[in-house]
């Protein structure tokens, strides 16, 4: 029987427990929510077997972290905090030309949508 990759969230939650115990909540949240959950949500958008596992993954995240901690994470995390980079006029004037916002806008928009979707699932 093949691997059930759509159930990798189980191991990821266990790893997050270890990270939390050794390095603290913020590192565990970065790992589990900012990286693994967001990637899982992305996969769930195109693979039904991942989508079917989302409710259980969300439930386990809520066992690990209370709503207030999750809310603060989404508000303050560099990965998810503002869901999109916000640049001041001064920032835009001082960016070196070779670094000037050359990201693909479609990819950036898709990333924002996935982050918003993940946030809505965890914070309701």
PDB file of N, CA and C in Angstrom:
ATOM      1  N   UNK A   1       0.848  -1.181   0.000  1.00  0.00           N
ATOM      2  CA  UNK A   1       0.000   0.000   0.000  1.00  0.00           C
ATOM      3  C   UNK A   1       0.891   1.240   0.000  1.00  0.00           C
ATOM      4  N   UNK A   2       0.527   2.258  -0.777  1.00  0.00           N
ATOM      5  CA  UNK A   2       1.323   3.469  -0.902  1.00  0.00           C
ATOM      6  C   UNK A   2       1.188   4.377   0.305  1.00  0.00           C
ATOM      7  N   UNK A   3       2.023   5.388   0.315  1.00  0.00           N
ATOM      8  CA  UNK A   3       1.971   6.388   1.385  1.00  0.00           C
ATOM      9  C   UNK A   3       0.695   7.208   1.266  1.00  0.00           C
ATOM     10  N   UNK A   4       0.165   7.584   2.372  1.00  0.00           N
ATOM     11  CA  UNK A   4      -1.008   8.447   2.386  1.00  0.00           C
ATOM     12  C   UNK A   4      -0.542   9.869   2.684  1.00  0.00           C
ATOM     13  N   UNK A   5      -0.006  10.525   1.660  1.00  0.00           N
ATOM     14  CA  UNK A   5       0.587  11.850   1.829  1.00  0.00           C
ATOM     15  C   UNK A   5      -0.412  12.876   2.354  1.00  0.00           C
ATOM     16  N   UNK A   6      -1.690  12.647   2.079  1.00  0.00           N
ATOM     17  CA  UNK A   6      -2.709  13.573   2.552  1.00  0.00           C
ATOM     18  C   UNK A   6      -2.884  13.496   4.069  1.00  0.00           C
ATOM     19  N   UNK A   7      -2.219  12.553   4.736  1.00  0.00           N
ATOM     20  CA  UNK A   7      -2.291  12.446   6.201  1.00  0.00           C
ATOM     21  C   UNK A   7      -0.977  12.861   6.873  1.00  0.00           C
ATOM     22  N   UNK A   8      -0.121  13.532   6.137  1.00  0.00           N
ATOM     23  CA  UNK A   8       1.153  13.978   6.714  1.00  0.00           C
ATOM     24  C   UNK A   8       0.963  14.983   7.836  1.00  0.00           C
ATOM     25  N   UNK A   9      -0.199  15.616   7.895  1.00  0.00           N
ATOM     26  CA  UNK A   9      -0.476  16.590   8.948  1.00  0.00           C
ATOM     27  C   UNK A   9      -0.331  15.971  10.331  1.00  0.00           C
ATOM     28  N   UNK A  10      -0.564  14.697  10.456  1.00  0.00           N
ATOM     29  CA  UNK A  10      -0.465  14.031  11.758  1.00  0.00           C
ATOM     30  C   UNK A  10       0.979  14.118  12.270  1.00  0.00           C
ATOM     31  N   UNK A  11       1.928  13.767  11.418  1.00  0.00           N
ATOM     32  CA  UNK A  11       3.339  13.860  11.797  1.00  0.00           C
ATOM     33  C   UNK A  11       3.774  15.308  11.993  1.00  0.00           C
ATOM     34  N   UNK A  12       3.234  16.204  11.178  1.00  0.00           N
ATOM     35  CA  UNK A  12       3.598  17.614  11.292  1.00  0.00           C
ATOM     36  C   UNK A  12       3.121  18.204  12.623  1.00  0.00           C
ATOM     37  N   UNK A  13       1.961  17.802  13.079  1.00  0.00           N
ATOM     38  CA  UNK A  13       1.463  18.274  14.385  1.00  0.00           C
ATOM     39  C   UNK A  13       2.331  17.718  15.511  1.00  0.00           C
ATOM     40  N   UNK A  14       2.746  16.489  15.384  1.00  0.00           N
ATOM     41  CA  UNK A  14       3.626  15.910  16.399  1.00  0.00           C
ATOM     42  C   UNK A  14       4.969  16.644  16.418  1.00  0.00           C
ATOM     43  N   UNK A  15       5.492  16.948  15.244  1.00  0.00           N
ATOM     44  CA  UNK A  15       6.744  17.706  15.166  1.00  0.00           C
ATOM     45  C   UNK A  15       6.569  19.094  15.790  1.00  0.00           C
ATOM     46  N   UNK A  16       5.421  19.708  15.572  1.00  0.00           N
ATOM     47  CA  UNK A  16       5.151  21.038  16.139  1.00  0.00           C
ATOM     48  C   UNK A  16       5.145  20.988  17.663  1.00  0.00           C
ATOM     49  N   UNK A  17       4.665  19.897  18.226  1.00  0.00           N
ATOM     50  CA  UNK A  17       4.704  19.750  19.689  1.00  0.00           C
ATOM     51  C   UNK A  17       6.152  19.783  20.186  1.00  0.00           C
ATOM     52  N   UNK A  18       7.009  19.048  19.506  1.00  0.00           N
ATOM     53  CA  UNK A  18       8.425  19.038  19.883  1.00  0.00           C
ATOM     54  C   UNK A  18       9.067  20.405  19.722  1.00  0.00           C
ATOM     55  N   UNK A  19       8.741  21.083  18.639  1.00  0.00           N
ATOM     56  CA  UNK A  19       9.271  22.431  18.409  1.00  0.00           C
ATOM     57  C   UNK A  19       8.788  23.367  19.508  1.00  0.00           C
ATOM     58  N   UNK A  20       7.517  23.271  19.846  1.00  0.00           N
ATOM     59  CA  UNK A  20       6.958  24.122  20.905  1.00  0.00           C
ATOM     60  C   UNK A  20       7.675  23.875  22.227  1.00  0.00           C
ATOM     61  N   UNK A  21       7.904  22.600  22.550  1.00  0.00           N
ATOM     62  CA  UNK A  21       8.559  22.257  23.816  1.00  0.00           C
ATOM     63  C   UNK A  21      10.002  22.732  23.878  1.00  0.00           C
ATOM     64  N   UNK A  22      10.694  22.701  22.753  1.00  0.00           N
ATOM     65  CA  UNK A  22      12.112  23.062  22.741  1.00  0.00           C
ATOM     66  C   UNK A  22      12.396  24.515  22.374  1.00  0.00           C
ATOM     67  N   UNK A  23      11.548  25.096  21.540  1.00  0.00           N
ATOM     68  CA  UNK A  23      11.853  26.430  21.015  1.00  0.00           C
ATOM     69  C   UNK A  23      10.759  27.470  21.257  1.00  0.00           C
ATOM     70  N   UNK A  24       9.594  27.046  21.701  1.00  0.00           N
ATOM     71  CA  UNK A  24       8.522  27.982  22.007  1.00  0.00           C
ATOM     72  C   UNK A  24       7.398  27.992  20.982  1.00  0.00           C
ATOM     73  N   UNK A  25       6.343  28.686  21.367  1.00  0.00           N
ATOM     74  CA  UNK A  25       5.133  28.738  20.549  1.00  0.00           C
ATOM     75  C   UNK A  25       5.342  29.390  19.187  1.00  0.00           C
ATOM     76  N   UNK A  26       6.104  30.470  19.146  1.00  0.00           N
ATOM     77  CA  UNK A  26       6.249  31.187  17.873  1.00  0.00           C
ATOM     78  C   UNK A  26       6.916  30.322  16.809  1.00  0.00           C
ATOM     79  N   UNK A  27       7.974  29.614  17.194  1.00  0.00           N
ATOM     80  CA  UNK A  27       8.629  28.732  16.230  1.00  0.00           C
ATOM     81  C   UNK A  27       7.698  27.603  15.801  1.00  0.00           C
ATOM     82  N   UNK A  28       6.943  27.076  16.754  1.00  0.00           N
ATOM     83  CA  UNK A  28       6.001  26.007  16.426  1.00  0.00           C
ATOM     84  C   UNK A  28       4.903  26.505  15.487  1.00  0.00           C
ATOM     85  N   UNK A  29       4.413  27.719  15.733  1.00  0.00           N
ATOM     86  CA  UNK A  29       3.401  28.300  14.852  1.00  0.00           C
ATOM     87  C   UNK A  29       3.961  28.590  13.466  1.00  0.00           C
ATOM     88  N   UNK A  30       5.164  29.118  13.405  1.00  0.00           N
ATOM     89  CA  UNK A  30       5.790  29.357  12.099  1.00  0.00           C
ATOM     90  C   UNK A  30       5.882  28.067  11.299  1.00  0.00           C
ATOM     91  N   UNK A  31       6.314  27.013  11.974  1.00  0.00           N
ATOM     92  CA  UNK A  31       6.453  25.712  11.311  1.00  0.00           C
ATOM     93  C   UNK A  31       5.093  25.159  10.892  1.00  0.00           C
ATOM     94  N   UNK A  32       4.185  25.040  11.865  1.00  0.00           N
ATOM     95  CA  UNK A  32       2.939  24.324  11.602  1.00  0.00           C
ATOM     96  C   UNK A  32       1.940  25.145  10.804  1.00  0.00           C
ATOM     97  N   UNK A  33       1.715  26.379  11.197  1.00  0.00           N
ATOM     98  CA  UNK A  33       0.700  27.195  10.526  1.00  0.00           C
ATOM     99  C   UNK A  33       1.287  27.934   9.329  1.00  0.00           C
ATOM    100  N   UNK A  34       2.378  28.651   9.556  1.00  0.00           N
ATOM    101  CA  UNK A  34       2.948  29.480   8.506  1.00  0.00           C
ATOM    102  C   UNK A  34       3.539  28.709   7.345  1.00  0.00           C
ATOM    103  N   UNK A  35       3.919  27.477   7.610  1.00  0.00           N
ATOM    104  CA  UNK A  35       4.529  26.670   6.543  1.00  0.00           C
ATOM    105  C   UNK A  35       3.647  25.476   6.175  1.00  0.00           C
ATOM    106  N   UNK A  36       3.486  24.542   7.088  1.00  0.00           N
ATOM    107  CA  UNK A  36       2.833  23.267   6.768  1.00  0.00           C
ATOM    108  C   UNK A  36       1.337  23.426   6.472  1.00  0.00           C
ATOM    109  N   UNK A  37       0.621  24.156   7.323  1.00  0.00           N
ATOM    110  CA  UNK A  37      -0.814  24.308   7.090  1.00  0.00           C
ATOM    111  C   UNK A  37      -1.090  25.081   5.805  1.00  0.00           C
ATOM    112  N   UNK A  38      -0.356  26.144   5.582  1.00  0.00           N
ATOM    113  CA  UNK A  38      -0.554  26.931   4.359  1.00  0.00           C
ATOM    114  C   UNK A  38      -0.296  26.064   3.124  1.00  0.00           C
ATOM    115  N   UNK A  39       0.753  25.259   3.154  1.00  0.00           N
ATOM    116  CA  UNK A  39       1.023  24.353   2.031  1.00  0.00           C
ATOM    117  C   UNK A  39      -0.077  23.309   1.876  1.00  0.00           C
ATOM    118  N   UNK A  40      -0.597  22.845   2.995  1.00  0.00           N
ATOM    119  CA  UNK A  40      -1.670  21.855   2.962  1.00  0.00           C
ATOM    120  C   UNK A  40      -2.934  22.457   2.351  1.00  0.00           C
ATOM    121  N   UNK A  41      -3.248  23.697   2.734  1.00  0.00           N
ATOM    122  CA  UNK A  41      -4.408  24.385   2.160  1.00  0.00           C
ATOM    123  C   UNK A  41      -4.217  24.527   0.652  1.00  0.00           C
ATOM    124  N   UNK A  42      -3.027  24.897   0.236  1.00  0.00           N
ATOM    125  CA  UNK A  42      -2.724  25.022  -1.196  1.00  0.00           C
ATOM    126  C   UNK A  42      -2.981  23.691  -1.910  1.00  0.00           C
ATOM    127  N   UNK A  43      -2.499  22.599  -1.319  1.00  0.00           N
ATOM    128  CA  UNK A  43      -2.704  21.271  -1.927  1.00  0.00           C
ATOM    129  C   UNK A  43      -4.183  20.895  -1.931  1.00  0.00           C
ATOM    130  N   UNK A  44      -4.904  21.269  -0.888  1.00  0.00           N
ATOM    131  CA  UNK A  44      -6.324  20.941  -0.786  1.00  0.00           C
ATOM    132  C   UNK A  44      -7.151  21.628  -1.873  1.00  0.00           C
ATOM    133  N   UNK A  45      -6.640  22.726  -2.396  1.00  0.00           N
ATOM    134  CA  UNK A  45      -7.362  23.434  -3.454  1.00  0.00           C
ATOM    135  C   UNK A  45      -7.383  22.655  -4.763  1.00  0.00           C
ATOM    136  N   UNK A  46      -6.485  21.687  -4.901  1.00  0.00           N
ATOM    137  CA  UNK A  46      -6.433  20.919  -6.154  1.00  0.00           C
ATOM    138  C   UNK A  46      -6.505  19.405  -5.952  1.00  0.00           C
ATOM    139  N   UNK A  47      -6.467  18.935  -4.703  1.00  0.00           N
ATOM    140  CA  UNK A  47      -6.498  17.494  -4.435  1.00  0.00           C
ATOM    141  C   UNK A  47      -7.559  17.186  -3.381  1.00  0.00           C
ATOM    142  N   UNK A  48      -8.571  16.447  -3.769  1.00  0.00           N
ATOM    143  CA  UNK A  48      -9.700  16.184  -2.880  1.00  0.00           C
ATOM    144  C   UNK A  48      -9.278  15.438  -1.612  1.00  0.00           C
ATOM    145  N   UNK A  49      -8.293  14.557  -1.710  1.00  0.00           N
ATOM    146  CA  UNK A  49      -7.898  13.806  -0.512  1.00  0.00           C
ATOM    147  C   UNK A  49      -7.283  14.721   0.549  1.00  0.00           C
ATOM    148  N   UNK A  50      -6.624  15.804   0.138  1.00  0.00           N
ATOM    149  CA  UNK A  50      -6.118  16.793   1.091  1.00  0.00           C
ATOM    150  C   UNK A  50      -7.287  17.605   1.659  1.00  0.00           C
ATOM    151  N   UNK A  51      -8.209  17.998   0.802  1.00  0.00           N
ATOM    152  CA  UNK A  51      -9.373  18.776   1.249  1.00  0.00           C
ATOM    153  C   UNK A  51     -10.177  18.010   2.303  1.00  0.00           C
ATOM    154  N   UNK A  52     -10.285  16.702   2.147  1.00  0.00           N
ATOM    155  CA  UNK A  52     -11.027  15.889   3.110  1.00  0.00           C
ATOM    156  C   UNK A  52     -10.349  15.854   4.482  1.00  0.00           C
ATOM    157  N   UNK A  53      -9.045  16.049   4.521  1.00  0.00           N
ATOM    158  CA  UNK A  53      -8.296  16.016   5.778  1.00  0.00           C
ATOM    159  C   UNK A  53      -8.255  17.366   6.492  1.00  0.00           C
ATOM    160  N   UNK A  54      -8.616  18.439   5.797  1.00  0.00           N
ATOM    161  CA  UNK A  54      -8.519  19.778   6.391  1.00  0.00           C
ATOM    162  C   UNK A  54      -9.255  19.928   7.727  1.00  0.00           C
ATOM    163  N   UNK A  55     -10.496  19.449   7.862  1.00  0.00           N
ATOM    164  CA  UNK A  55     -11.169  19.625   9.160  1.00  0.00           C
ATOM    165  C   UNK A  55     -10.408  18.976  10.322  1.00  0.00           C
ATOM    166  N   UNK A  56      -9.824  17.819  10.100  1.00  0.00           N
ATOM    167  CA  UNK A  56      -9.069  17.157  11.164  1.00  0.00           C
ATOM    168  C   UNK A  56      -7.777  17.903  11.473  1.00  0.00           C
ATOM    169  N   UNK A  57      -7.135  18.425  10.440  1.00  0.00           N
ATOM    170  CA  UNK A  57      -5.907  19.199  10.635  1.00  0.00           C
ATOM    171  C   UNK A  57      -6.229  20.459  11.447  1.00  0.00           C
ATOM    172  N   UNK A  58      -7.293  21.151  11.086  1.00  0.00           N
ATOM    173  CA  UNK A  58      -7.706  22.355  11.811  1.00  0.00           C
ATOM    174  C   UNK A  58      -8.002  22.012  13.272  1.00  0.00           C
ATOM    175  N   UNK A  59      -8.718  20.930  13.487  1.00  0.00           N
ATOM    176  CA  UNK A  59      -9.051  20.502  14.850  1.00  0.00           C
ATOM    177  C   UNK A  59      -7.791  20.254  15.684  1.00  0.00           C
ATOM    178  N   UNK A  60      -6.801  19.618  15.084  1.00  0.00           N
ATOM    179  CA  UNK A  60      -5.564  19.325  15.823  1.00  0.00           C
ATOM    180  C   UNK A  60      -4.768  20.603  16.104  1.00  0.00           C
ATOM    181  N   UNK A  61      -4.763  21.526  15.172  1.00  0.00           N
ATOM    182  CA  UNK A  61      -4.100  22.816  15.412  1.00  0.00           C
ATOM    183  C   UNK A  61      -4.757  23.515  16.602  1.00  0.00           C
ATOM    184  N   UNK A  62      -6.078  23.425  16.681  1.00  0.00           N
ATOM    185  CA  UNK A  62      -6.785  24.042  17.813  1.00  0.00           C
ATOM    186  C   UNK A  62      -6.499  23.323  19.131  1.00  0.00           C
ATOM    187  N   UNK A  63      -6.148  22.064  19.080  1.00  0.00           N
ATOM    188  CA  UNK A  63      -5.724  21.370  20.302  1.00  0.00           C
ATOM    189  C   UNK A  63      -4.356  21.879  20.770  1.00  0.00           C
ATOM    190  N   UNK A  64      -3.524  22.244  19.811  1.00  0.00           N
ATOM    191  CA  UNK A  64      -2.171  22.703  20.126  1.00  0.00           C
ATOM    192  C   UNK A  64      -2.121  24.168  20.545  1.00  0.00           C
ATOM    193  N   UNK A  65      -2.948  25.004  19.940  1.00  0.00           N
ATOM    194  CA  UNK A  65      -2.888  26.449  20.149  1.00  0.00           C
ATOM    195  C   UNK A  65      -4.292  27.007  20.337  1.00  0.00           C
ATOM    196  N   UNK A  66      -4.457  27.862  21.342  1.00  0.00           N
ATOM    197  CA  UNK A  66      -5.772  28.457  21.563  1.00  0.00           C
ATOM    198  C   UNK A  66      -6.036  29.559  20.535  1.00  0.00           C
ATOM    199  N   UNK A  67      -7.298  29.958  20.470  1.00  0.00           N
ATOM    200  CA  UNK A  67      -7.723  30.942  19.468  1.00  0.00           C
ATOM    201  C   UNK A  67      -6.958  32.258  19.580  1.00  0.00           C
ATOM    202  N   UNK A  68      -6.716  32.708  20.803  1.00  0.00           N
ATOM    203  CA  UNK A  68      -6.023  33.988  20.986  1.00  0.00           C
ATOM    204  C   UNK A  68      -4.593  33.920  20.457  1.00  0.00           C
ATOM    205  N   UNK A  69      -3.912  32.827  20.723  1.00  0.00           N
ATOM    206  CA  UNK A  69      -2.537  32.666  20.230  1.00  0.00           C
ATOM    207  C   UNK A  69      -2.533  32.615  18.701  1.00  0.00           C
ATOM    208  N   UNK A  70      -3.487  31.924  18.098  1.00  0.00           N
ATOM    209  CA  UNK A  70      -3.588  31.872  16.638  1.00  0.00           C
ATOM    210  C   UNK A  70      -3.884  33.261  16.068  1.00  0.00           C
ATOM    211  N   UNK A  71      -4.789  33.967  16.707  1.00  0.00           N
ATOM    212  CA  UNK A  71      -5.141  35.326  16.244  1.00  0.00           C
ATOM    213  C   UNK A  71      -3.913  36.242  16.279  1.00  0.00           C
ATOM    214  N   UNK A  72      -3.189  36.202  17.399  1.00  0.00           N
ATOM    215  CA  UNK A  72      -1.979  37.035  17.511  1.00  0.00           C
ATOM    216  C   UNK A  72      -0.949  36.622  16.462  1.00  0.00           C
ATOM    217  N   UNK A  73      -0.839  35.342  16.210  1.00  0.00           N
ATOM    218  CA  UNK A  73       0.116  34.876  15.204  1.00  0.00           C
ATOM    219  C   UNK A  73      -0.217  35.482  13.837  1.00  0.00           C
ATOM    220  N   UNK A  74      -1.470  35.404  13.437  1.00  0.00           N
ATOM    221  CA  UNK A  74      -1.843  35.951  12.132  1.00  0.00           C
ATOM    222  C   UNK A  74      -1.684  37.462  12.078  1.00  0.00           C
ATOM    223  N   UNK A  75      -1.823  38.117  13.203  1.00  0.00           N
ATOM    224  CA  UNK A  75      -1.670  39.578  13.231  1.00  0.00           C
ATOM    225  C   UNK A  75      -0.219  40.017  13.199  1.00  0.00           C
ATOM    226  N   UNK A  76       0.696  39.207  13.705  1.00  0.00           N
ATOM    227  CA  UNK A  76       2.070  39.672  13.896  1.00  0.00           C
ATOM    228  C   UNK A  76       3.137  38.908  13.124  1.00  0.00           C
ATOM    229  N   UNK A  77       2.813  37.771  12.582  1.00  0.00           N
ATOM    230  CA  UNK A  77       3.828  36.968  11.896  1.00  0.00           C
ATOM    231  C   UNK A  77       4.326  37.663  10.635  1.00  0.00           C
ATOM    232  N   UNK A  78       5.641  37.652  10.411  1.00  0.00           N
ATOM    233  CA  UNK A  78       6.162  38.210   9.157  1.00  0.00           C
ATOM    234  C   UNK A  78       5.616  37.471   7.944  1.00  0.00           C
ATOM    235  N   UNK A  79       5.288  36.202   8.112  1.00  0.00           N
ATOM    236  CA  UNK A  79       4.762  35.410   7.006  1.00  0.00           C
ATOM    237  C   UNK A  79       3.309  35.736   6.720  1.00  0.00           C
ATOM    238  N   UNK A  80       2.514  35.915   7.776  1.00  0.00           N
ATOM    239  CA  UNK A  80       1.080  36.073   7.594  1.00  0.00           C
ATOM    240  C   UNK A  80       0.527  37.382   8.103  1.00  0.00           C
ATOM    241  N   UNK A  81       1.314  38.134   8.847  1.00  0.00           N
ATOM    242  CA  UNK A  81       0.824  39.295   9.578  1.00  0.00           C
ATOM    243  C   UNK A  81       0.034  40.294   8.784  1.00  0.00           C
ATOM    244  N   UNK A  82       0.498  40.675   7.636  1.00  0.00           N
ATOM    245  CA  UNK A  82      -0.279  41.642   6.873  1.00  0.00           C
ATOM    246  C   UNK A  82      -0.757  41.050   5.564  1.00  0.00           C
ATOM    247  N   UNK A  83      -0.554  39.772   5.386  1.00  0.00           N
ATOM    248  CA  UNK A  83      -0.969  39.009   4.226  1.00  0.00           C
ATOM    249  C   UNK A  83      -0.385  39.519   2.912  1.00  0.00           C
ATOM    250  N   UNK A  84       0.033  40.719   2.867  1.00  0.00           N
ATOM    251  CA  UNK A  84       0.684  41.257   1.687  1.00  0.00           C
ATOM    252  C   UNK A  84       1.663  42.311   2.140  1.00  0.00           C
ATOM    253  N   UNK A  85       2.805  42.381   1.488  1.00  0.00           N
ATOM    254  CA  UNK A  85       3.754  43.399   1.915  1.00  0.00           C
ATOM    255  C   UNK A  85       3.183  44.792   1.713  1.00  0.00           C
ATOM    256  N   UNK A  86       3.439  45.651   2.681  1.00  0.00           N
ATOM    257  CA  UNK A  86       3.013  47.045   2.565  1.00  0.00           C
ATOM    258  C   UNK A  86       4.269  47.893   2.546  1.00  0.00           C
ATOM    259  N   UNK A  87       4.416  48.647   1.503  1.00  0.00           N
ATOM    260  CA  UNK A  87       5.601  49.467   1.350  1.00  0.00           C
ATOM    261  C   UNK A  87       5.210  50.934   1.441  1.00  0.00           C
ATOM    262  N   UNK A  88       5.969  51.676   2.200  1.00  0.00           N
ATOM    263  CA  UNK A  88       5.735  53.115   2.273  1.00  0.00           C
ATOM    264  C   UNK A  88       6.294  53.765   1.012  1.00  0.00           C
ATOM    265  N   UNK A  89       5.928  55.011   0.791  1.00  0.00           N
ATOM    266  CA  UNK A  89       6.482  55.745  -0.344  1.00  0.00           C
ATOM    267  C   UNK A  89       8.004  55.814  -0.238  1.00  0.00           C
ATOM    268  N   UNK A  90       8.501  55.983   0.996  1.00  0.00           N
ATOM    269  CA  UNK A  90       9.956  56.032   1.206  1.00  0.00           C
ATOM    270  C   UNK A  90      10.610  54.707   0.835  1.00  0.00           C
ATOM    271  N   UNK A  91       9.985  53.593   1.231  1.00  0.00           N
ATOM    272  CA  UNK A  91      10.516  52.279   0.865  1.00  0.00           C
ATOM    273  C   UNK A  91      10.617  52.150  -0.653  1.00  0.00           C
ATOM    274  N   UNK A  92       9.557  52.534  -1.337  1.00  0.00           N
ATOM    275  CA  UNK A  92       9.532  52.398  -2.791  1.00  0.00           C
ATOM    276  C   UNK A  92      10.597  53.265  -3.455  1.00  0.00           C
ATOM    277  N   UNK A  93      10.872  54.431  -2.881  1.00  0.00           N
ATOM    278  CA  UNK A  93      11.905  55.314  -3.452  1.00  0.00           C
ATOM    279  C   UNK A  93      13.304  54.768  -3.218  1.00  0.00           C
ATOM    280  N   UNK A  94      13.503  54.021  -2.126  1.00  0.00           N
ATOM    281  CA  UNK A  94      14.857  53.604  -1.772  1.00  0.00           C
ATOM    282  C   UNK A  94      15.205  52.184  -2.203  1.00  0.00           C
ATOM    283  N   UNK A  95      14.256  51.414  -2.754  1.00  0.00           N
ATOM    284  CA  UNK A  95      14.588  50.080  -3.225  1.00  0.00           C
ATOM    285  C   UNK A  95      15.616  50.174  -4.352  1.00  0.00           C
ATOM    286  N   UNK A  96      16.666  49.386  -4.269  1.00  0.00           N
ATOM    287  CA  UNK A  96      17.571  49.336  -5.429  1.00  0.00           C
ATOM    288  C   UNK A  96      16.788  48.839  -6.647  1.00  0.00           C
ATOM    289  N   UNK A  97      17.135  49.348  -7.790  1.00  0.00           N
ATOM    290  CA  UNK A  97      16.382  49.023  -8.993  1.00  0.00           C
ATOM    291  C   UNK A  97      16.299  47.522  -9.237  1.00  0.00           C
ATOM    292  N   UNK A  98      17.382  46.792  -8.984  1.00  0.00           N
ATOM    293  CA  UNK A  98      17.374  45.352  -9.249  1.00  0.00           C
ATOM    294  C   UNK A  98      16.494  44.571  -8.268  1.00  0.00           C
ATOM    295  N   UNK A  99      16.108  45.182  -7.167  1.00  0.00           N
ATOM    296  CA  UNK A  99      15.247  44.519  -6.192  1.00  0.00           C
ATOM    297  C   UNK A  99      13.832  45.072  -6.214  1.00  0.00           C
ATOM    298  N   UNK A 100      13.539  45.927  -7.117  1.00  0.00           N
ATOM    299  CA  UNK A 100      12.282  46.676  -7.083  1.00  0.00           C
ATOM    300  C   UNK A 100      11.091  45.811  -7.461  1.00  0.00           C
ATOM    301  N   UNK A 101      10.478  45.211  -6.491  1.00  0.00           N
ATOM    302  CA  UNK A 101       9.180  44.557  -6.628  1.00  0.00           C
ATOM    303  C   UNK A 101       9.018  43.798  -7.936  1.00  0.00           C
ATOM    304  N   UNK A 102       9.930  42.886  -8.209  1.00  0.00           N
ATOM    305  CA  UNK A 102       9.855  42.158  -9.466  1.00  0.00           C
ATOM    306  C   UNK A 102       9.129  40.831  -9.311  1.00  0.00           C
ATOM    307  N   UNK A 103       8.416  40.632  -8.206  1.00  0.00           N
ATOM    308  CA  UNK A 103       7.647  39.416  -8.015  1.00  0.00           C
ATOM    309  C   UNK A 103       6.494  39.379  -9.000  1.00  0.00           C
ATOM    310  N   UNK A 104       6.140  38.166  -9.387  1.00  0.00           N
ATOM    311  CA  UNK A 104       5.007  37.962 -10.273  1.00  0.00           C
ATOM    312  C   UNK A 104       3.725  38.313  -9.523  1.00  0.00           C
ATOM    313  N   UNK A 105       2.951  39.275  -9.996  1.00  0.00           N
ATOM    314  CA  UNK A 105       1.758  39.697  -9.262  1.00  0.00           C
ATOM    315  C   UNK A 105       0.700  38.598  -9.144  1.00  0.00           C
ATOM    316  N   UNK A 106       0.611  37.710 -10.117  1.00  0.00           N
ATOM    317  CA  UNK A 106      -0.365  36.624 -10.051  1.00  0.00           C
ATOM    318  C   UNK A 106       0.002  35.658  -8.933  1.00  0.00           C
ATOM    319  N   UNK A 107       1.278  35.302  -8.862  1.00  0.00           N
ATOM    320  CA  UNK A 107       1.737  34.419  -7.797  1.00  0.00           C
ATOM    321  C   UNK A 107       1.532  35.076  -6.441  1.00  0.00           C
ATOM    322  N   UNK A 108       1.828  36.355  -6.346  1.00  0.00           N
ATOM    323  CA  UNK A 108       1.621  37.078  -5.094  1.00  0.00           C
ATOM    324  C   UNK A 108       0.156  37.100  -4.690  1.00  0.00           C
ATOM    325  N   UNK A 109      -0.719  37.315  -5.641  1.00  0.00           N
ATOM    326  CA  UNK A 109      -2.155  37.334  -5.352  1.00  0.00           C
ATOM    327  C   UNK A 109      -2.643  35.953  -4.922  1.00  0.00           C
ATOM    328  N   UNK A 110      -2.156  34.914  -5.591  1.00  0.00           N
ATOM    329  CA  UNK A 110      -2.535  33.550  -5.205  1.00  0.00           C
ATOM    330  C   UNK A 110      -2.076  33.238  -3.784  1.00  0.00           C
ATOM    331  N   UNK A 111      -0.881  33.692  -3.435  1.00  0.00           N
ATOM    332  CA  UNK A 111      -0.357  33.459  -2.094  1.00  0.00           C
ATOM    333  C   UNK A 111      -1.215  34.167  -1.048  1.00  0.00           C
ATOM    334  N   UNK A 112      -1.616  35.386  -1.336  1.00  0.00           N
ATOM    335  CA  UNK A 112      -2.481  36.126  -0.416  1.00  0.00           C
ATOM    336  C   UNK A 112      -3.800  35.394  -0.224  1.00  0.00           C
ATOM    337  N   UNK A 113      -4.373  34.884  -1.298  1.00  0.00           N
ATOM    338  CA  UNK A 113      -5.640  34.162  -1.199  1.00  0.00           C
ATOM    339  C   UNK A 113      -5.513  32.896  -0.358  1.00  0.00           C
ATOM    340  N   UNK A 114      -4.417  32.168  -0.525  1.00  0.00           N
ATOM    341  CA  UNK A 114      -4.195  30.955   0.275  1.00  0.00           C
ATOM    342  C   UNK A 114      -4.026  31.324   1.748  1.00  0.00           C
ATOM    343  N   UNK A 115      -3.269  32.380   2.036  1.00  0.00           N
ATOM    344  CA  UNK A 115      -3.090  32.815   3.420  1.00  0.00           C
ATOM    345  C   UNK A 115      -4.419  33.247   4.040  1.00  0.00           C
ATOM    346  N   UNK A 116      -5.225  33.957   3.284  1.00  0.00           N
ATOM    347  CA  UNK A 116      -6.537  34.372   3.792  1.00  0.00           C
ATOM    348  C   UNK A 116      -7.431  33.164   4.037  1.00  0.00           C
ATOM    349  N   UNK A 117      -7.358  32.191   3.152  1.00  0.00           N
ATOM    350  CA  UNK A 117      -8.126  30.968   3.307  1.00  0.00           C
ATOM    351  C   UNK A 117      -7.690  30.221   4.573  1.00  0.00           C
ATOM    352  N   UNK A 118      -6.393  30.101   4.779  1.00  0.00           N
ATOM    353  CA  UNK A 118      -5.869  29.432   5.972  1.00  0.00           C
ATOM    354  C   UNK A 118      -6.309  30.165   7.233  1.00  0.00           C
ATOM    355  N   UNK A 119      -6.219  31.471   7.217  1.00  0.00           N
ATOM    356  CA  UNK A 119      -6.626  32.268   8.373  1.00  0.00           C
ATOM    357  C   UNK A 119      -8.111  32.081   8.665  1.00  0.00           C
ATOM    358  N   UNK A 120      -8.933  32.111   7.654  1.00  0.00           N
ATOM    359  CA  UNK A 120     -10.385  31.937   7.838  1.00  0.00           C
ATOM    360  C   UNK A 120     -10.695  30.555   8.410  1.00  0.00           C
ATOM    361  N   UNK A 121      -9.986  29.535   7.970  1.00  0.00           N
ATOM    362  CA  UNK A 121     -10.225  28.189   8.483  1.00  0.00           C
ATOM    363  C   UNK A 121      -9.863  28.073   9.962  1.00  0.00           C
ATOM    364  N   UNK A 122      -8.798  28.731  10.356  1.00  0.00           N
ATOM    365  CA  UNK A 122      -8.340  28.612  11.740  1.00  0.00           C
ATOM    366  C   UNK A 122      -9.026  29.571  12.693  1.00  0.00           C
ATOM    367  N   UNK A 123      -9.458  30.707  12.191  1.00  0.00           N
ATOM    368  CA  UNK A 123     -10.066  31.703  13.079  1.00  0.00           C
ATOM    369  C   UNK A 123     -11.566  31.844  12.884  1.00  0.00           C
ATOM    370  N   UNK A 124     -12.091  31.192  11.851  1.00  0.00           N
ATOM    371  CA  UNK A 124     -13.524  31.206  11.589  1.00  0.00           C
ATOM    372  C   UNK A 124     -14.026  32.553  11.333  1.00  0.00           C
TER     373      UNK A 124
END
